[in-house]
Amino acid sequence: MVRECIAADGSISMLAYRRPSGYLLRFPGSADFDVDREADVVTAVPACDAAPERIEVLFQNQVLPLIASLEGRLVLHASAVALDGVAVAFLGSSGRGKSTLAASFAAAGLPFLAEDSFEVDFRDGSCRAFPSALGPRLWADSAAAVLGAAPDADAEVKARHSSCGALPHCERPLPLAMLYLLGDGSADAPLITPVARGAAVPELIAHSFIMDGGDRRILAAHFAALARLADGVACARLDFPREYESLEAVRTAIVVHAGQPRLAA
């Protein structure tokens, strides 16, 4: 076995096994994905009761980013939005509000750039965040509060919301200007505090995709890319009340802070 990923509730969310031709990714209760590196093919074997939407989400949000890591590409587990020609990203474990926050920016007319994961590269001395074509995935209550969607009391999974129409989407890479690490919601009002480089790197490790941490070459390149990211992009901790009524104040605080992150830090 190469990796074992544990969910917030203590359950196993993914098991990764190295195979002669590639890797087997097992998402218990959902699907297995056979990643054949030699044939450049991924084969999904769904669980008998797994919804097709669930398989697609796992493929887009988990399998593809993990494969990208094998190619030396850096993918963050984060959502991102576009602010005045730059990108700001929200990193955090599942349930911290990344998607809801990004969707609230889009609903307010500020385009979202990426949902749940996006690729970062370094060119011409700057760090760029690449857009994803997928719209935000939201629980029914978040979709109703943020997007005005019809409430669905029976919904048991997040639903994908199109980037067309009411949700503007930035379709070009942007310089990555700010990384926000989302807190647990214990703050009474939006609170932004700087995170030093040394403290940022472990956080970035936790919120980035890597398939095979046992491959020293891949691991060294991955850590080097994260260190470069921490050197070039300001990082701050963001906490706020998990109340939909507070989202406008959160957006305002982010817009003000992201305009001068180095000074504010």
C-alpha atoms as a PDB file:
ATOM      1  CA  MET A   1       0.000   0.000   0.000  1.00  0.00           C
ATOM      2  CA  VAL A   2       1.228   3.499  -0.884  1.00  0.00           C
ATOM      3  CA  ARG A   3      -1.197   5.734   0.999  1.00  0.00           C
ATOM      4  CA  GLU A   4      -4.101   5.619   3.430  1.00  0.00           C
ATOM      5  CA  CYS A   5      -6.269   8.733   3.714  1.00  0.00           C
ATOM      6  CA  ILE A   6      -8.431   9.249   6.796  1.00  0.00           C
ATOM      7  CA  ALA A   7     -11.599  11.377   6.719  1.00  0.00           C
ATOM      8  CA  ALA A   8     -12.559  13.856   9.456  1.00  0.00           C
ATOM      9  CA  ASP A   9     -14.863  11.274  11.053  1.00  0.00           C
ATOM     10  CA  GLY A  10     -12.022   8.760  11.344  1.00  0.00           C
ATOM     11  CA  SER A  11     -13.138   6.541   8.466  1.00  0.00           C
ATOM     12  CA  ILE A  12     -10.867   5.560   5.590  1.00  0.00           C
ATOM     13  CA  SER A  13     -11.617   7.775   2.604  1.00  0.00           C
ATOM     14  CA  MET A  14      -9.049   6.327   0.191  1.00  0.00           C
ATOM     15  CA  LEU A  15      -6.504   3.557  -0.100  1.00  0.00           C
ATOM     16  CA  ALA A  16      -3.804   3.695  -2.766  1.00  0.00           C
ATOM     17  CA  TYR A  17      -1.838   0.643  -3.868  1.00  0.00           C
ATOM     18  CA  ARG A  18       1.172   0.540  -6.176  1.00  0.00           C
ATOM     19  CA  ARG A  19       0.841  -2.006  -8.997  1.00  0.00           C
ATOM     20  CA  PRO A  20       3.298  -3.144 -11.697  1.00  0.00           C
ATOM     21  CA  SER A  21       1.612  -1.004 -14.345  1.00  0.00           C
ATOM     22  CA  GLY A  22       0.460   1.868 -12.119  1.00  0.00           C
ATOM     23  CA  TYR A  23      -1.819   2.297  -9.141  1.00  0.00           C
ATOM     24  CA  LEU A  24      -5.127   1.109  -7.697  1.00  0.00           C
ATOM     25  CA  LEU A  25      -7.130   3.789  -5.911  1.00  0.00           C
ATOM     26  CA  ARG A  26      -9.875   2.441  -3.665  1.00  0.00           C
ATOM     27  CA  PHE A  27     -12.621   4.699  -2.324  1.00  0.00           C
ATOM     28  CA  PRO A  28     -14.510   2.413   0.085  1.00  0.00           C
ATOM     29  CA  GLY A  29     -18.194   2.118  -0.694  1.00  0.00           C
ATOM     30  CA  SER A  30     -17.857   4.154  -3.904  1.00  0.00           C
ATOM     31  CA  ALA A  31     -15.417   2.827  -6.510  1.00  0.00           C
ATOM     32  CA  ASP A  32     -12.014   1.473  -7.426  1.00  0.00           C
ATOM     33  CA  PHE A  33      -9.940   3.256 -10.056  1.00  0.00           C
ATOM     34  CA  ASP A  34      -7.252   1.292 -11.866  1.00  0.00           C
ATOM     35  CA  VAL A  35      -4.643   3.794 -13.075  1.00  0.00           C
ATOM     36  CA  ASP A  36      -2.641   2.086 -15.823  1.00  0.00           C
ATOM     37  CA  ARG A  37       0.371   4.309 -16.390  1.00  0.00           C
ATOM     38  CA  GLU A  38       1.750   2.158 -19.208  1.00  0.00           C
ATOM     39  CA  ALA A  39      -1.450   2.265 -21.278  1.00  0.00           C
ATOM     40  CA  ASP A  40      -2.379   5.766 -20.093  1.00  0.00           C
ATOM     41  CA  VAL A  41      -5.858   4.516 -19.161  1.00  0.00           C
ATOM     42  CA  VAL A  42      -7.995   4.852 -16.037  1.00  0.00           C
ATOM     43  CA  THR A  43     -10.697   2.231 -15.450  1.00  0.00           C
ATOM     44  CA  ALA A  44     -13.434   2.816 -12.880  1.00  0.00           C
ATOM     45  CA  VAL A  45     -15.178  -0.071 -11.126  1.00  0.00           C
ATOM     46  CA  PRO A  46     -18.118   1.426  -9.190  1.00  0.00           C
ATOM     47  CA  ALA A  47     -19.674  -0.116  -6.111  1.00  0.00           C
ATOM     48  CA  CYS A  48     -23.023  -1.677  -6.897  1.00  0.00           C
ATOM     49  CA  ASP A  49     -25.047   1.176  -5.380  1.00  0.00           C
ATOM     50  CA  ALA A  50     -22.728   4.098  -6.218  1.00  0.00           C
ATOM     51  CA  ALA A  51     -24.368   7.007  -8.045  1.00  0.00           C
ATOM     52  CA  PRO A  52     -22.771   7.949 -11.390  1.00  0.00           C
ATOM     53  CA  GLU A  53     -22.424  11.537 -10.126  1.00  0.00           C
ATOM     54  CA  ARG A  54     -20.307  10.280  -7.227  1.00  0.00           C
ATOM     55  CA  ILE A  55     -17.963   8.434  -9.590  1.00  0.00           C
ATOM     56  CA  GLU A  56     -17.547  11.540 -11.756  1.00  0.00           C
ATOM     57  CA  VAL A  57     -16.764  13.709  -8.713  1.00  0.00           C
ATOM     58  CA  LEU A  58     -14.131  11.265  -7.471  1.00  0.00           C
ATOM     59  CA  PHE A  59     -12.539  11.083 -10.909  1.00  0.00           C
ATOM     60  CA  GLN A  60     -12.407  14.859 -11.412  1.00  0.00           C
ATOM     61  CA  ASN A  61     -11.606  15.962  -7.855  1.00  0.00           C
ATOM     62  CA  GLN A  62      -9.386  13.126  -6.612  1.00  0.00           C
ATOM     63  CA  VAL A  63      -8.080  10.798  -9.305  1.00  0.00           C
ATOM     64  CA  LEU A  64      -6.986  13.375 -11.897  1.00  0.00           C
ATOM     65  CA  PRO A  65      -5.150  15.573  -9.336  1.00  0.00           C
ATOM     66  CA  LEU A  66      -3.342  12.502  -7.978  1.00  0.00           C
ATOM     67  CA  ILE A  67      -2.282  11.489 -11.478  1.00  0.00           C
ATOM     68  CA  ALA A  68      -1.075  15.048 -12.084  1.00  0.00           C
ATOM     69  CA  SER A  69       1.216  14.717  -9.062  1.00  0.00           C
ATOM     70  CA  LEU A  70       2.953  11.773 -10.738  1.00  0.00           C
ATOM     71  CA  GLU A  71       3.793  14.090 -13.627  1.00  0.00           C
ATOM     72  CA  GLY A  72       5.410  16.627 -11.321  1.00  0.00           C
ATOM     73  CA  ARG A  73       2.463  19.025 -11.398  1.00  0.00           C
ATOM     74  CA  LEU A  74       1.322  20.796  -8.226  1.00  0.00           C
ATOM     75  CA  VAL A  75      -2.412  20.613  -7.490  1.00  0.00           C
ATOM     76  CA  LEU A  76      -3.949  22.147  -4.372  1.00  0.00           C
ATOM     77  CA  HIS A  77      -7.082  20.942  -2.612  1.00  0.00           C
ATOM     78  CA  ALA A  78      -8.658  24.382  -2.664  1.00  0.00           C
ATOM     79  CA  SER A  79     -11.225  26.638  -4.262  1.00  0.00           C
ATOM     80  CA  ALA A  80     -10.240  29.938  -5.856  1.00  0.00           C
ATOM     81  CA  VAL A  81     -11.814  33.174  -7.053  1.00  0.00           C
ATOM     82  CA  ALA A  82     -10.665  36.069  -9.242  1.00  0.00           C
ATOM     83  CA  LEU A  83     -10.183  39.506  -7.685  1.00  0.00           C
ATOM     84  CA  ASP A  84      -8.971  42.402  -9.845  1.00  0.00           C
ATOM     85  CA  GLY A  85      -6.875  40.239 -12.129  1.00  0.00           C
ATOM     86  CA  VAL A  86      -5.367  37.966  -9.480  1.00  0.00           C
ATOM     87  CA  ALA A  87      -6.468  34.749  -7.814  1.00  0.00           C
ATOM     88  CA  VAL A  88      -7.061  34.156  -4.128  1.00  0.00           C
ATOM     89  CA  ALA A  89      -7.530  30.619  -2.850  1.00  0.00           C
ATOM     90  CA  PHE A  90      -9.293  29.008   0.087  1.00  0.00           C
ATOM     91  CA  LEU A  91      -7.728  25.882   1.564  1.00  0.00           C
ATOM     92  CA  GLY A  92      -9.207  23.634   4.207  1.00  0.00           C
ATOM     93  CA  SER A  93     -10.473  20.177   4.996  1.00  0.00           C
ATOM     94  CA  SER A  94     -13.912  19.077   3.851  1.00  0.00           C
ATOM     95  CA  GLY A  95     -16.685  20.990   5.584  1.00  0.00           C
ATOM     96  CA  ARG A  96     -14.694  24.178   6.193  1.00  0.00           C
ATOM     97  CA  GLY A  97     -16.690  26.115   3.576  1.00  0.00           C
ATOM     98  CA  LYS A  98     -14.341  26.411   0.572  1.00  0.00           C
ATOM     99  CA  SER A  99     -17.055  25.856  -2.012  1.00  0.00           C
ATOM    100  CA  THR A 100     -19.688  27.964  -0.255  1.00  0.00           C
ATOM    101  CA  LEU A 101     -17.300  30.885   0.063  1.00  0.00           C
ATOM    102  CA  ALA A 102     -16.202  30.689  -3.578  1.00  0.00           C
ATOM    103  CA  ALA A 103     -19.826  30.406  -4.717  1.00  0.00           C
ATOM    104  CA  SER A 104     -20.781  33.449  -2.666  1.00  0.00           C
ATOM    105  CA  PHE A 105     -18.124  35.491  -4.478  1.00  0.00           C
ATOM    106  CA  ALA A 106     -19.486  34.311  -7.829  1.00  0.00           C
ATOM    107  CA  ALA A 107     -23.064  35.068  -6.805  1.00  0.00           C
ATOM    108  CA  ALA A 108     -21.896  38.593  -5.893  1.00  0.00           C
ATOM    109  CA  GLY A 109     -20.434  39.022  -9.396  1.00  0.00           C
ATOM    110  CA  LEU A 110     -16.783  38.171  -8.637  1.00  0.00           C
ATOM    111  CA  PRO A 111     -15.841  35.163 -10.794  1.00  0.00           C
ATOM    112  CA  PHE A 112     -14.841  31.870  -9.303  1.00  0.00           C
ATOM    113  CA  LEU A 113     -11.719  30.365 -10.824  1.00  0.00           C
ATOM    114  CA  ALA A 114     -11.717  26.806  -9.545  1.00  0.00           C
ATOM    115  CA  GLU A 115     -13.762  24.450  -7.429  1.00  0.00           C
ATOM    116  CA  ASP A 116     -12.203  22.071  -4.919  1.00  0.00           C
ATOM    117  CA  SER A 117      -8.859  21.718  -6.723  1.00  0.00           C
ATOM    118  CA  PHE A 118      -6.652  23.641  -9.116  1.00  0.00           C
ATOM    119  CA  GLU A 119      -3.185  23.418 -10.600  1.00  0.00           C
ATOM    120  CA  VAL A 120      -0.364  25.831  -9.820  1.00  0.00           C
ATOM    121  CA  ASP A 121       2.702  26.495 -11.915  1.00  0.00           C
ATOM    122  CA  PHE A 122       5.687  28.836 -11.846  1.00  0.00           C
ATOM    123  CA  ARG A 123       6.538  30.814 -14.958  1.00  0.00           C
ATOM    124  CA  ASP A 124       8.241  34.129 -15.599  1.00  0.00           C
ATOM    125  CA  GLY A 125       9.015  34.499 -11.908  1.00  0.00           C
ATOM    126  CA  SER A 126       5.391  34.298 -10.772  1.00  0.00           C
ATOM    127  CA  CYS A 127       2.970  31.685  -9.515  1.00  0.00           C
ATOM    128  CA  ARG A 128      -0.148  31.094 -11.601  1.00  0.00           C
ATOM    129  CA  ALA A 129      -3.431  29.421 -10.679  1.00  0.00           C
ATOM    130  CA  PHE A 130      -5.214  27.568 -13.466  1.00  0.00           C
ATOM    131  CA  PRO A 131      -9.002  27.537 -13.818  1.00  0.00           C
ATOM    132  CA  SER A 132     -11.156  24.440 -13.659  1.00  0.00           C
ATOM    133  CA  ALA A 133     -14.253  24.123 -15.808  1.00  0.00           C
ATOM    134  CA  LEU A 134     -16.341  22.581 -13.043  1.00  0.00           C
ATOM    135  CA  GLY A 135     -18.901  24.693 -11.209  1.00  0.00           C
ATOM    136  CA  PRO A 136     -19.213  24.722  -7.406  1.00  0.00           C
ATOM    137  CA  ARG A 137     -20.640  21.691  -5.620  1.00  0.00           C
ATOM    138  CA  LEU A 138     -22.912  22.732  -2.763  1.00  0.00           C
ATOM    139  CA  TRP A 139     -25.137  21.137  -0.177  1.00  0.00           C
ATOM    140  CA  ALA A 140     -28.804  21.996  -0.657  1.00  0.00           C
ATOM    141  CA  ASP A 141     -28.928  24.524   2.206  1.00  0.00           C
ATOM    142  CA  SER A 142     -25.856  26.372   0.899  1.00  0.00           C
ATOM    143  CA  ALA A 143     -27.240  26.432  -2.642  1.00  0.00           C
ATOM    144  CA  ALA A 144     -30.519  27.843  -1.369  1.00  0.00           C
ATOM    145  CA  ALA A 145     -28.876  30.506   0.805  1.00  0.00           C
ATOM    146  CA  VAL A 146     -26.090  31.570  -1.564  1.00  0.00           C
ATOM    147  CA  LEU A 147     -27.553  30.994  -5.017  1.00  0.00           C
ATOM    148  CA  GLY A 148     -31.258  31.199  -4.310  1.00  0.00           C
ATOM    149  CA  ALA A 149     -31.732  27.625  -5.530  1.00  0.00           C
ATOM    150  CA  ALA A 150     -34.910  25.778  -4.651  1.00  0.00           C
ATOM    151  CA  PRO A 151     -34.359  23.941  -1.349  1.00  0.00           C
ATOM    152  CA  ASP A 152     -34.163  20.153  -1.561  1.00  0.00           C
ATOM    153  CA  ALA A 153     -34.718  18.559   1.813  1.00  0.00           C
ATOM    154  CA  ASP A 154     -34.059  15.071   0.398  1.00  0.00           C
ATOM    155  CA  ALA A 155     -30.638  15.828  -1.092  1.00  0.00           C
ATOM    156  CA  GLU A 156     -27.972  13.512   0.354  1.00  0.00           C
ATOM    157  CA  VAL A 157     -24.997  14.664  -1.736  1.00  0.00           C
ATOM    158  CA  LYS A 158     -23.613  17.937  -2.975  1.00  0.00           C
ATOM    159  CA  ALA A 159     -25.004  19.099  -6.319  1.00  0.00           C
ATOM    160  CA  ARG A 160     -22.918  20.649  -9.075  1.00  0.00           C
ATOM    161  CA  HIS A 161     -23.986  24.147 -10.111  1.00  0.00           C
ATOM    162  CA  SER A 162     -23.183  25.366 -13.580  1.00  0.00           C
ATOM    163  CA  SER A 163     -20.818  28.261 -14.140  1.00  0.00           C
ATOM    164  CA  CYS A 164     -23.184  29.575 -16.800  1.00  0.00           C
ATOM    165  CA  GLY A 165     -25.612  32.407 -16.226  1.00  0.00           C
ATOM    166  CA  ALA A 166     -25.683  33.660 -12.654  1.00  0.00           C
ATOM    167  CA  LEU A 167     -22.230  32.328 -11.748  1.00  0.00           C
ATOM    168  CA  PRO A 168     -19.407  34.117 -13.598  1.00  0.00           C
ATOM    169  CA  HIS A 169     -16.323  32.011 -14.195  1.00  0.00           C
ATOM    170  CA  CYS A 170     -12.777  33.135 -14.976  1.00  0.00           C
ATOM    171  CA  GLU A 171     -11.436  30.943 -17.781  1.00  0.00           C
ATOM    172  CA  ARG A 172      -7.784  32.037 -17.886  1.00  0.00           C
ATOM    173  CA  PRO A 173      -4.830  31.467 -15.548  1.00  0.00           C
ATOM    174  CA  LEU A 174      -4.226  34.244 -13.034  1.00  0.00           C
ATOM    175  CA  PRO A 175      -1.319  35.184 -10.767  1.00  0.00           C
ATOM    176  CA  LEU A 176      -1.931  33.607  -7.370  1.00  0.00           C
ATOM    177  CA  ALA A 177      -1.826  36.448  -4.850  1.00  0.00           C
ATOM    178  CA  MET A 178      -3.116  35.002  -1.589  1.00  0.00           C
ATOM    179  CA  LEU A 179      -3.711  31.691   0.185  1.00  0.00           C
ATOM    180  CA  TYR A 180      -6.320  31.595   2.961  1.00  0.00           C
ATOM    181  CA  LEU A 181      -6.337  28.665   5.390  1.00  0.00           C
ATOM    182  CA  LEU A 182      -9.910  28.279   6.638  1.00  0.00           C
ATOM    183  CA  GLY A 183     -10.478  27.968  10.379  1.00  0.00           C
ATOM    184  CA  ASP A 184     -13.114  25.972  12.221  1.00  0.00           C
ATOM    185  CA  GLY A 185     -15.758  28.687  12.433  1.00  0.00           C
ATOM    186  CA  SER A 186     -15.178  29.616  16.068  1.00  0.00           C
ATOM    187  CA  ALA A 187     -14.556  33.320  15.337  1.00  0.00           C
ATOM    188  CA  ASP A 188     -17.377  35.760  16.112  1.00  0.00           C
ATOM    189  CA  ALA A 189     -16.485  37.953  13.121  1.00  0.00           C
ATOM    190  CA  PRO A 190     -14.185  37.641  10.087  1.00  0.00           C
ATOM    191  CA  LEU A 191     -10.650  37.241  11.411  1.00  0.00           C
ATOM    192  CA  ILE A 192      -7.535  37.202   9.226  1.00  0.00           C
ATOM    193  CA  THR A 193      -4.110  36.546  10.730  1.00  0.00           C
ATOM    194  CA  PRO A 194      -0.784  36.119   8.905  1.00  0.00           C
ATOM    195  CA  VAL A 195       0.894  32.727   8.672  1.00  0.00           C
ATOM    196  CA  ALA A 196       4.688  32.642   8.538  1.00  0.00           C
ATOM    197  CA  ARG A 197       6.420  30.663   5.809  1.00  0.00           C
ATOM    198  CA  GLY A 198       7.620  27.971   8.192  1.00  0.00           C
ATOM    199  CA  ALA A 199       4.092  27.360   9.442  1.00  0.00           C
ATOM    200  CA  ALA A 200       2.567  27.603   5.971  1.00  0.00           C
ATOM    201  CA  VAL A 201       4.546  24.760   4.389  1.00  0.00           C
ATOM    202  CA  PRO A 202       3.070  21.953   6.581  1.00  0.00           C
ATOM    203  CA  GLU A 203      -0.414  23.344   5.905  1.00  0.00           C
ATOM    204  CA  LEU A 204       0.233  23.349   2.175  1.00  0.00           C
ATOM    205  CA  ILE A 205       1.480  19.770   2.358  1.00  0.00           C
ATOM    206  CA  ALA A 206      -1.798  18.759   4.004  1.00  0.00           C
ATOM    207  CA  HIS A 207      -3.831  20.479   1.282  1.00  0.00           C
ATOM    208  CA  SER A 208      -1.996  19.288  -1.807  1.00  0.00           C
ATOM    209  CA  PHE A 209      -2.307  16.114  -3.858  1.00  0.00           C
ATOM    210  CA  ILE A 210       0.448  13.526  -4.039  1.00  0.00           C
ATOM    211  CA  MET A 211      -0.057   9.971  -5.205  1.00  0.00           C
ATOM    212  CA  ASP A 212       3.140   8.250  -4.185  1.00  0.00           C
ATOM    213  CA  GLY A 213       4.925   9.647  -1.157  1.00  0.00           C
ATOM    214  CA  GLY A 214       7.241   6.640  -1.261  1.00  0.00           C
ATOM    215  CA  ASP A 215       8.895   7.796  -4.466  1.00  0.00           C
ATOM    216  CA  ARG A 216      11.764   9.997  -3.282  1.00  0.00           C
ATOM    217  CA  ARG A 217      12.101  11.805  -6.605  1.00  0.00           C
ATOM    218  CA  ILE A 218       8.416  12.715  -6.711  1.00  0.00           C
ATOM    219  CA  LEU A 219       8.390  13.637  -3.022  1.00  0.00           C
ATOM    220  CA  ALA A 220      11.443  15.894  -3.310  1.00  0.00           C
ATOM    221  CA  ALA A 221       9.991  17.733  -6.307  1.00  0.00           C
ATOM    222  CA  HIS A 222       6.651  18.094  -4.533  1.00  0.00           C
ATOM    223  CA  PHE A 223       8.189  19.591  -1.392  1.00  0.00           C
ATOM    224  CA  ALA A 224      10.356  21.921  -3.469  1.00  0.00           C
ATOM    225  CA  ALA A 225       7.282  23.210  -5.306  1.00  0.00           C
ATOM    226  CA  LEU A 226       5.405  23.778  -2.040  1.00  0.00           C
ATOM    227  CA  ALA A 227       8.381  25.626  -0.549  1.00  0.00           C
ATOM    228  CA  ARG A 228       8.511  27.828  -3.637  1.00  0.00           C
ATOM    229  CA  LEU A 229       4.784  28.473  -3.314  1.00  0.00           C
ATOM    230  CA  ALA A 230       5.184  29.487   0.342  1.00  0.00           C
ATOM    231  CA  ASP A 231       8.064  31.785  -0.611  1.00  0.00           C
ATOM    232  CA  GLY A 232       6.147  33.518  -3.397  1.00  0.00           C
ATOM    233  CA  VAL A 233       2.558  33.741  -2.174  1.00  0.00           C
ATOM    234  CA  ALA A 234       1.331  35.307   1.058  1.00  0.00           C
ATOM    235  CA  CYS A 235      -0.585  32.997   3.387  1.00  0.00           C
ATOM    236  CA  ALA A 236      -3.079  33.873   6.115  1.00  0.00           C
ATOM    237  CA  ARG A 237      -5.502  32.097   8.394  1.00  0.00           C
ATOM    238  CA  LEU A 238      -9.139  33.042   7.846  1.00  0.00           C
ATOM    239  CA  ASP A 239     -11.888  32.261  10.301  1.00  0.00           C
ATOM    240  CA  PHE A 240     -15.466  33.472  10.359  1.00  0.00           C
ATOM    241  CA  PRO A 241     -18.879  32.460  11.732  1.00  0.00           C
ATOM    242  CA  ARG A 242     -20.458  29.702   9.675  1.00  0.00           C
ATOM    243  CA  GLU A 243     -23.608  31.721   9.128  1.00  0.00           C
ATOM    244  CA  TYR A 244     -24.806  32.655   5.667  1.00  0.00           C
ATOM    245  CA  GLU A 245     -25.594  36.167   6.881  1.00  0.00           C
ATOM    246  CA  SER A 246     -21.888  36.723   7.569  1.00  0.00           C
ATOM    247  CA  LEU A 247     -20.696  35.948   4.023  1.00  0.00           C
ATOM    248  CA  GLU A 248     -20.946  39.539   2.796  1.00  0.00           C
ATOM    249  CA  ALA A 249     -18.723  40.725   5.645  1.00  0.00           C
ATOM    250  CA  VAL A 250     -16.285  37.878   4.916  1.00  0.00           C
ATOM    251  CA  ARG A 251     -16.047  38.845   1.247  1.00  0.00           C
ATOM    252  CA  THR A 252     -15.431  42.474   2.185  1.00  0.00           C
ATOM    253  CA  ALA A 253     -12.677  41.509   4.623  1.00  0.00           C
ATOM    254  CA  ILE A 254     -10.993  39.337   1.977  1.00  0.00           C
ATOM    255  CA  VAL A 255     -11.184  42.010  -0.735  1.00  0.00           C
ATOM    256  CA  VAL A 256      -9.597  44.580   1.597  1.00  0.00           C
ATOM    257  CA  HIS A 257      -6.919  42.215   2.857  1.00  0.00           C
ATOM    258  CA  ALA A 258      -6.050  40.688  -0.523  1.00  0.00           C
ATOM    259  CA  GLY A 259      -5.484  44.165  -1.911  1.00  0.00           C
ATOM    260  CA  GLN A 260      -2.455  44.581   0.341  1.00  0.00           C
ATOM    261  CA  PRO A 261      -1.606  41.153   1.793  1.00  0.00           C
ATOM    262  CA  ARG A 262       2.048  41.844   2.471  1.00  0.00           C
ATOM    263  CA  LEU A 263       1.277  45.094   4.280  1.00  0.00           C
ATOM    264  CA  ALA A 264      -1.585  43.531   6.234  1.00  0.00           C
ATOM    265  CA  ALA A 265       0.617  40.629   7.253  1.00  0.00           C
END
